[in-house]
Amino acid sequence: MDRYGAGVDERDWDAWSTIFDDPLVTDFSGIDPAFAPATISRGDHVAGTRSVIDRFDTTQHMITNVLVTLDGDQARARAVMRAEHWLGGLRGPARYTMFGVYENEFRRRRAGWVISRLSLRVTREEGNPEVWAEAIRSRDRDV
């Protein structure tokens, strides 16, 4: 979970890609019901995330209170998060904050533990939601 936040914030996409199983299940329906659970390739997940995160001036993902349950070569982890996103050039505040809960599943591989199911439920938002919306619009204009 620490490598998840660090990889995104440092934009180290090569390192970040190593923390995921291939394929993996993503469930972002806790952000928006339109983002139903899906099985996707690691490469598609990294590319999709990168296409949005790279639009921000900076981000800071804080992940804490990690509770892990081990079961052989599988594990579950629940963690709370606060993710800050900054984007200049907008009318209004340049910061958007997302609070939520990760409920992830992991598998042990030869190289170590990887996320096999990534699930995020947003519990609170603060700041300017246009920061997030503009990052998505900017990505879509370039596609």
Protein backbone atom coordinates (compact mmCIF):
# COMPACT_ATOMS: atom_id res chain seq x y z
CA MET A 1 0.00 0.00 0.00
CA ASP A 2 2.93 2.35 0.65
CA ARG A 3 4.30 1.61 -2.82
CA TYR A 4 0.86 2.39 -4.25
CA GLY A 5 0.82 5.96 -2.93
CA ALA A 6 4.52 6.59 -3.53
CA GLY A 7 4.42 5.32 -7.11
CA VAL A 8 1.51 7.58 -8.05
CA ASP A 9 2.88 10.67 -6.32
CA GLU A 10 6.39 10.22 -7.71
CA ARG A 11 4.99 9.36 -11.18
CA ASP A 12 7.19 6.25 -11.19
CA TRP A 13 4.91 4.29 -13.48
CA ASP A 14 7.39 1.46 -14.11
CA ALA A 15 7.77 0.76 -10.40
CA TRP A 16 4.05 1.31 -9.80
CA SER A 17 3.12 -1.32 -12.39
CA THR A 18 5.03 -4.00 -10.45
CA ILE A 19 2.60 -3.86 -7.52
CA PHE A 20 -0.33 -5.25 -9.55
CA ASP A 21 -1.31 -8.73 -10.64
CA ASP A 22 -1.96 -9.27 -14.35
CA PRO A 23 -4.84 -9.20 -14.90
CA LEU A 24 -6.37 -7.55 -11.86
CA VAL A 25 -9.89 -6.63 -10.79
CA THR A 26 -10.63 -2.95 -10.25
CA ASP A 27 -13.73 -1.72 -8.46
CA PHE A 28 -14.24 2.02 -8.39
CA SER A 29 -18.03 1.87 -8.10
CA GLY A 30 -17.53 3.47 -4.66
CA ILE A 31 -16.42 6.60 -6.52
CA ASP A 32 -19.00 6.46 -9.30
CA PRO A 33 -21.51 3.64 -9.98
CA ALA A 34 -20.51 3.81 -13.66
CA PHE A 35 -17.13 2.35 -12.68
CA ALA A 36 -18.37 -1.18 -12.02
CA PRO A 37 -15.91 -3.95 -11.17
CA ALA A 38 -13.84 -4.97 -14.17
CA THR A 39 -11.03 -7.37 -14.92
CA ILE A 40 -8.33 -5.51 -16.84
CA SER A 41 -4.69 -5.94 -17.72
CA ARG A 42 -2.06 -4.38 -15.50
CA GLY A 43 -0.88 -2.32 -18.48
CA ASP A 44 -4.35 -0.91 -19.15
CA HIS A 45 -4.82 -0.03 -15.48
CA VAL A 46 -1.48 1.76 -15.27
CA ALA A 47 -2.01 3.59 -18.57
CA GLY A 48 -5.53 4.69 -17.57
CA THR A 49 -4.44 5.96 -14.18
CA ARG A 50 -1.39 7.68 -15.64
CA SER A 51 -3.50 9.45 -18.28
CA VAL A 52 -5.38 11.26 -15.49
CA ILE A 53 -2.77 11.64 -12.74
CA ASP A 54 -0.17 13.13 -15.09
CA ARG A 55 -2.59 16.06 -15.68
CA PHE A 56 -2.22 17.30 -12.09
CA ASP A 57 0.53 19.67 -11.00
CA THR A 58 1.08 17.41 -8.00
CA THR A 59 -0.69 14.82 -5.87
CA GLN A 60 -0.24 13.44 -2.39
CA HIS A 61 -1.74 10.09 -1.41
CA MET A 62 -1.72 9.32 2.30
CA ILE A 63 -2.67 5.74 3.16
CA THR A 64 -2.87 4.67 6.80
CA ASN A 65 -4.55 2.39 9.35
CA VAL A 66 -3.75 -0.63 7.18
CA LEU A 67 -5.37 -3.79 8.58
CA VAL A 68 -4.13 -7.00 6.94
CA THR A 69 -5.61 -10.49 7.09
CA LEU A 70 -3.33 -13.25 5.82
CA ASP A 71 -4.49 -16.57 4.40
CA GLY A 72 -1.52 -18.46 2.97
CA ASP A 73 -0.55 -16.87 -0.34
CA GLN A 74 -3.53 -14.53 -0.29
CA ALA A 75 -4.29 -11.49 1.84
CA ARG A 76 -6.85 -8.78 2.30
CA ALA A 77 -6.09 -5.26 3.44
CA ARG A 78 -8.34 -2.43 4.50
CA ALA A 79 -6.83 1.05 4.66
CA VAL A 80 -8.08 4.60 4.89
CA MET A 81 -6.78 7.23 2.51
CA ARG A 82 -6.65 10.93 1.84
CA ALA A 83 -5.64 11.95 -1.67
CA GLU A 84 -4.80 15.56 -2.48
CA HIS A 85 -4.85 16.76 -6.09
CA TRP A 86 -3.61 20.18 -7.24
CA LEU A 87 -4.15 21.79 -10.62
CA GLY A 88 -3.43 25.44 -11.37
CA GLY A 89 -5.08 27.67 -13.93
CA LEU A 90 -8.67 27.12 -12.79
CA ARG A 91 -11.20 29.54 -11.43
CA GLY A 92 -11.52 28.90 -7.73
CA PRO A 93 -9.35 26.82 -5.43
CA ALA A 94 -6.69 24.67 -7.10
CA ARG A 95 -7.08 21.75 -4.65
CA TYR A 96 -9.42 18.77 -4.56
CA THR A 97 -9.26 16.25 -1.73
CA MET A 98 -10.71 12.76 -1.77
CA PHE A 99 -11.12 10.68 1.41
CA GLY A 100 -11.92 7.00 1.30
CA VAL A 101 -11.34 3.37 2.11
CA TYR A 102 -9.34 0.84 0.13
CA GLU A 103 -10.43 -2.78 0.47
CA ASN A 104 -7.85 -4.64 -1.57
CA GLU A 105 -6.90 -8.27 -2.13
CA PHE A 106 -3.35 -9.48 -2.67
CA ARG A 107 -1.56 -12.57 -3.99
CA ARG A 108 1.93 -13.70 -3.18
CA ARG A 109 4.04 -14.14 -6.31
CA ARG A 110 7.72 -15.10 -6.64
CA ALA A 111 8.69 -11.43 -6.74
CA GLY A 112 6.49 -10.58 -3.73
CA TRP A 113 2.95 -9.47 -2.96
CA VAL A 114 0.81 -7.90 -5.70
CA ILE A 115 -2.63 -6.31 -5.66
CA SER A 116 -5.10 -8.68 -7.35
CA ARG A 117 -8.23 -6.65 -6.53
CA LEU A 118 -8.18 -2.88 -6.10
CA SER A 119 -11.30 -1.37 -4.56
CA LEU A 120 -11.83 2.23 -3.47
CA ARG A 121 -14.89 3.72 -1.81
CA VAL A 122 -14.91 7.51 -1.45
CA THR A 123 -16.36 8.68 1.87
CA ARG A 124 -15.87 12.45 1.63
CA GLU A 125 -14.72 15.13 -0.79
CA GLU A 126 -13.42 18.62 -0.10
CA GLY A 127 -12.16 21.48 -2.19
CA ASN A 128 -12.87 22.18 -5.81
CA PRO A 129 -14.27 19.18 -7.75
CA GLU A 130 -13.42 21.05 -10.97
CA VAL A 131 -9.78 20.09 -10.33
CA TRP A 132 -10.66 16.42 -10.92
CA ALA A 133 -13.14 17.18 -13.70
CA GLU A 134 -10.61 19.30 -15.59
CA ALA A 135 -7.99 16.55 -15.41
CA ILE A 136 -10.50 14.16 -17.02
CA ARG A 137 -11.55 16.71 -19.67
CA SER A 138 -7.93 17.46 -20.48
CA ARG A 139 -7.17 13.76 -20.90
CA ASP A 140 -10.23 13.26 -23.11
CA ARG A 141 -9.28 16.21 -25.35
CA ASP A 142 -5.91 14.57 -26.02
CA VAL A 143 -7.32 11.11 -26.78
